[in-house]
Amino acid sequence: ETFIHMKLPVILRVVVYLMLLAQTSVLQANSAREFRVCYNFGCKTEDVVRLTDQEWREVTGWFKPAAATAELERTQIKQAIGWMEVVVGKHTPTHRDTGLDLNYDGEFPGQLDCIDESLNTTTYLKLFEQEGFLTHHKVLNRAYRKAIFDQHWAGQIEEINSGDRFAVDSWFQRNGILPYVQPIAEWQDIPYFFRSYVDNSNEYDIKEKP
């Protein structure tokens, strides 16, 4: 009986430790499914989004099978970002977001300017990177270009082998439409020195207006 009384606290401590360890493992495993998103211009509103396992599988399924080339991986990134916007829009008002949104004339809450878009895109890219879905690229700080009257931000990645950088710009299209993935030098080469909000990607024939 004395032996049992002496050992019981030790056993309890071991059990508690194992429970905490298991809980920590679960939190780490689910970390990619919980993140913050911005909207309402200038990251005025921040929400914590918690994806279900099914939603996370839908988003990351675009990276399967793993891309054999960097070019193919950039296509996967576009598709995954587009679908992530759709999924996030089920948890937040961002499903209302229109393309080229410069003014407060869209339906609020839920509109995103380039600050919101670039921050969210960078968040998504980092989640993909942390979970091992990016093998040909690394995620950089946001891309930036400035003109006389305004400035513009986008997500940014770098191809590991070549060092080439690409802007990942989701601002020009409405929620859920694939973002532009464009060489950074080309993205920064805006045709009008007084405006940075210029779509110089030539990726889509039809340009959406706010």
Protein backbone atom coordinates (compact mmCIF):
# COMPACT_ATOMS: atom_id res chain seq x y z
CA GLU A 1 0.00 0.00 0.00
CA THR A 2 2.85 2.37 0.82
CA PHE A 3 4.48 1.51 -2.48
CA ILE A 4 1.28 2.32 -4.36
CA HIS A 5 0.88 5.68 -2.59
CA MET A 6 4.48 6.59 -3.41
CA LYS A 7 4.26 5.62 -7.05
CA LEU A 8 0.81 7.00 -7.81
CA PRO A 9 1.89 10.68 -8.10
CA VAL A 10 4.69 9.65 -10.42
CA ILE A 11 2.29 7.67 -12.57
CA LEU A 12 -0.12 10.59 -12.68
CA ARG A 13 2.63 12.94 -13.74
CA VAL A 14 3.62 10.58 -16.53
CA VAL A 15 0.02 10.29 -17.70
CA VAL A 16 -0.45 14.07 -17.64
CA TYR A 17 2.81 14.54 -19.54
CA LEU A 18 1.76 12.06 -22.23
CA MET A 19 -1.63 13.76 -22.54
CA LEU A 20 0.00 17.16 -22.96
CA LEU A 21 2.43 15.76 -25.49
CA ALA A 22 -0.41 14.24 -27.50
CA GLN A 23 -2.34 17.52 -27.37
CA THR A 24 0.70 19.46 -28.56
CA SER A 25 1.12 17.06 -31.47
CA VAL A 26 -2.49 17.57 -32.49
CA LEU A 27 -2.14 21.36 -32.33
CA GLN A 28 0.97 21.21 -34.46
CA ALA A 29 -0.71 18.91 -36.96
CA ASN A 30 -3.71 21.24 -37.24
CA SER A 31 -1.75 24.50 -37.30
CA ALA A 32 -1.99 24.83 -41.08
CA ARG A 33 -5.76 24.67 -40.82
CA GLU A 34 -6.04 27.74 -38.58
CA PHE A 35 -4.81 31.14 -39.70
CA ARG A 36 -5.69 34.83 -39.91
CA VAL A 37 -7.08 36.61 -42.95
CA CYS A 38 -7.52 40.31 -43.71
CA TYR A 39 -10.28 42.24 -45.45
CA ASN A 40 -12.15 45.56 -45.56
CA PHE A 41 -9.12 47.48 -46.92
CA GLY A 42 -5.77 47.93 -45.21
CA CYS A 43 -6.33 44.80 -43.10
CA LYS A 44 -8.92 46.77 -41.16
CA THR A 45 -10.67 43.53 -40.22
CA GLU A 46 -8.89 40.32 -39.24
CA ASP A 47 -10.62 36.97 -38.79
CA VAL A 48 -9.28 33.63 -37.66
CA VAL A 49 -10.29 30.95 -40.16
CA ARG A 50 -10.42 27.30 -39.16
CA LEU A 51 -10.57 24.91 -42.08
CA THR A 52 -12.03 21.44 -41.79
CA ASP A 53 -9.85 18.49 -42.75
CA GLN A 54 -11.91 18.08 -45.91
CA GLU A 55 -11.42 21.73 -46.89
CA TRP A 56 -7.67 21.50 -46.33
CA ARG A 57 -7.49 18.36 -48.48
CA GLU A 58 -9.42 20.12 -51.24
CA VAL A 59 -6.99 23.05 -51.25
CA THR A 60 -3.77 21.03 -51.05
CA GLY A 61 -5.05 18.44 -53.50
CA TRP A 62 -3.93 20.80 -56.26
CA PHE A 63 -0.33 19.94 -55.32
CA LYS A 64 -0.83 16.23 -55.99
CA PRO A 65 0.99 14.65 -57.58
CA ALA A 66 4.04 16.75 -56.76
CA ALA A 67 5.15 18.96 -59.62
CA ALA A 68 8.07 17.69 -61.66
CA THR A 69 9.07 21.21 -62.72
CA ALA A 70 9.00 24.70 -61.25
CA GLU A 71 6.71 25.87 -64.04
CA LEU A 72 4.16 23.20 -63.21
CA GLU A 73 4.41 24.06 -59.52
CA ARG A 74 3.57 27.69 -60.30
CA THR A 75 0.42 26.46 -62.01
CA GLN A 76 -0.41 24.42 -58.92
CA ILE A 77 0.15 27.50 -56.74
CA LYS A 78 -2.32 29.50 -58.83
CA GLN A 79 -4.95 26.78 -58.54
CA ALA A 80 -4.43 26.27 -54.81
CA ILE A 81 -4.58 30.01 -54.07
CA GLY A 82 -7.76 30.36 -56.12
CA TRP A 83 -9.44 27.48 -54.31
CA MET A 84 -8.22 28.71 -50.91
CA GLU A 85 -10.03 31.98 -51.61
CA VAL A 86 -13.21 30.04 -52.34
CA VAL A 87 -12.91 28.05 -49.11
CA VAL A 88 -12.04 31.08 -46.99
CA GLY A 89 -15.04 32.84 -48.53
CA LYS A 90 -17.25 30.20 -46.91
CA HIS A 91 -15.99 31.28 -43.49
CA THR A 92 -15.78 35.05 -44.04
CA PRO A 93 -17.53 37.76 -46.11
CA THR A 94 -14.62 37.73 -48.59
CA HIS A 95 -16.76 35.77 -51.07
CA ARG A 96 -18.14 39.24 -51.97
CA ASP A 97 -14.77 40.57 -53.08
CA THR A 98 -14.65 42.08 -56.56
CA GLY A 99 -11.62 42.57 -58.78
CA LEU A 100 -9.75 45.87 -59.12
CA ASP A 101 -11.38 47.10 -55.93
CA LEU A 102 -10.12 50.62 -55.24
CA ASN A 103 -13.19 52.20 -53.68
CA TYR A 104 -15.74 51.46 -51.00
CA ASP A 105 -18.51 50.97 -53.56
CA GLY A 106 -18.48 47.17 -53.35
CA GLU A 107 -20.66 45.18 -50.98
CA PHE A 108 -19.26 45.40 -47.46
CA PRO A 109 -17.99 43.76 -45.40
CA GLY A 110 -15.73 41.54 -47.46
CA GLN A 111 -13.90 43.72 -50.00
CA LEU A 112 -10.12 43.46 -50.29
CA ASP A 113 -7.56 45.98 -51.49
CA CYS A 114 -4.06 44.98 -52.56
CA ILE A 115 -2.83 45.15 -48.96
CA ASP A 116 -5.41 42.60 -47.87
CA GLU A 117 -4.87 40.43 -50.94
CA SER A 118 -1.08 40.39 -50.69
CA LEU A 119 -1.11 39.61 -46.96
CA ASN A 120 -3.60 36.79 -47.41
CA THR A 121 -1.77 35.37 -50.42
CA THR A 122 1.50 35.41 -48.48
CA THR A 123 -0.21 33.63 -45.57
CA TYR A 124 -1.49 30.90 -47.88
CA LEU A 125 1.89 30.51 -49.59
CA LYS A 126 3.64 30.15 -46.24
CA LEU A 127 1.14 27.50 -45.15
CA PHE A 128 1.85 25.52 -48.32
CA GLU A 129 5.58 25.94 -47.78
CA GLN A 130 5.46 24.89 -44.12
CA GLU A 131 3.46 21.79 -44.97
CA GLY A 132 6.00 20.74 -47.62
CA PHE A 133 3.90 21.30 -50.73
CA LEU A 134 6.41 23.68 -52.35
CA THR A 135 9.51 21.87 -53.56
CA HIS A 136 10.65 24.21 -56.34
CA HIS A 137 9.96 27.58 -54.70
CA LYS A 138 10.42 29.46 -51.46
CA VAL A 139 8.15 32.21 -50.19
CA LEU A 140 9.52 35.74 -49.93
CA ASN A 141 8.26 38.98 -48.44
CA ARG A 142 5.57 40.74 -50.43
CA ALA A 143 6.40 42.26 -53.80
CA TYR A 144 6.08 46.03 -54.06
CA ARG A 145 5.90 48.60 -56.83
CA LYS A 146 5.41 52.34 -56.55
CA ALA A 147 4.33 55.08 -58.90
CA ILE A 148 3.93 58.82 -58.36
CA PHE A 149 0.36 58.68 -57.11
CA ASP A 150 -0.05 55.19 -55.64
CA GLN A 151 1.60 51.88 -54.78
CA HIS A 152 0.78 48.20 -55.09
CA TRP A 153 1.62 44.95 -53.28
CA ALA A 154 1.46 41.26 -54.19
CA GLY A 155 2.67 37.92 -52.89
CA GLN A 156 6.12 36.79 -54.03
CA ILE A 157 7.94 33.50 -54.56
CA GLU A 158 11.43 32.58 -55.72
CA GLU A 159 12.34 29.60 -57.86
CA ILE A 160 14.98 27.72 -55.88
CA ASN A 161 17.18 26.49 -58.73
CA SER A 162 17.25 29.62 -60.88
CA GLY A 163 16.68 32.35 -58.29
CA ASP A 164 14.00 33.86 -60.54
CA ARG A 165 11.30 35.70 -58.62
CA PHE A 166 7.60 35.85 -59.39
CA ALA A 167 4.75 38.04 -58.17
CA VAL A 168 1.58 36.22 -57.12
CA ASP A 169 -1.07 38.90 -57.61
CA SER A 170 -4.66 38.11 -56.65
CA TRP A 171 -6.01 41.67 -56.61
CA PHE A 172 -7.06 42.04 -60.24
CA GLN A 173 -9.71 39.31 -60.20
CA ARG A 174 -12.74 38.64 -58.02
CA ASN A 175 -12.64 36.14 -55.20
CA GLY A 176 -11.72 32.63 -56.27
CA ILE A 177 -10.40 33.49 -59.73
CA LEU A 178 -6.82 32.34 -60.27
CA PRO A 179 -4.17 34.94 -59.41
CA TYR A 180 -1.51 36.14 -61.78
CA VAL A 181 1.92 34.54 -61.40
CA GLN A 182 4.28 36.85 -63.25
CA PRO A 183 8.08 37.38 -63.40
CA ILE A 184 8.83 40.09 -60.87
CA ALA A 185 10.79 42.29 -63.29
CA GLU A 186 7.86 42.21 -65.69
CA TRP A 187 5.37 42.87 -62.86
CA GLN A 188 7.35 45.88 -61.70
CA ASP A 189 7.70 47.28 -65.23
CA ILE A 190 4.47 49.26 -65.25
CA PRO A 191 3.79 51.22 -68.47
CA TYR A 192 2.65 54.42 -66.74
CA PHE A 193 4.99 55.94 -64.19
CA PHE A 194 2.11 57.73 -62.43
CA ARG A 195 -0.08 54.65 -61.78
CA SER A 196 0.87 51.38 -60.07
CA TYR A 197 -2.61 49.81 -60.40
CA VAL A 198 -1.96 48.63 -63.93
CA ASP A 199 -2.58 45.09 -65.12
CA ASN A 200 0.43 44.39 -67.31
CA SER A 201 0.18 40.61 -67.12
CA ASN A 202 -1.81 40.00 -70.33
CA GLU A 203 -2.91 36.78 -68.66
CA TYR A 204 -6.64 37.24 -69.14
CA ASP A 205 -8.32 38.72 -72.20
CA ILE A 206 -11.32 39.97 -70.23
CA LYS A 207 -10.51 42.45 -67.48
CA GLU A 208 -13.01 42.71 -64.69
CA LYS A 209 -14.05 46.16 -63.54
CA PRO A 210 -15.10 46.95 -60.00
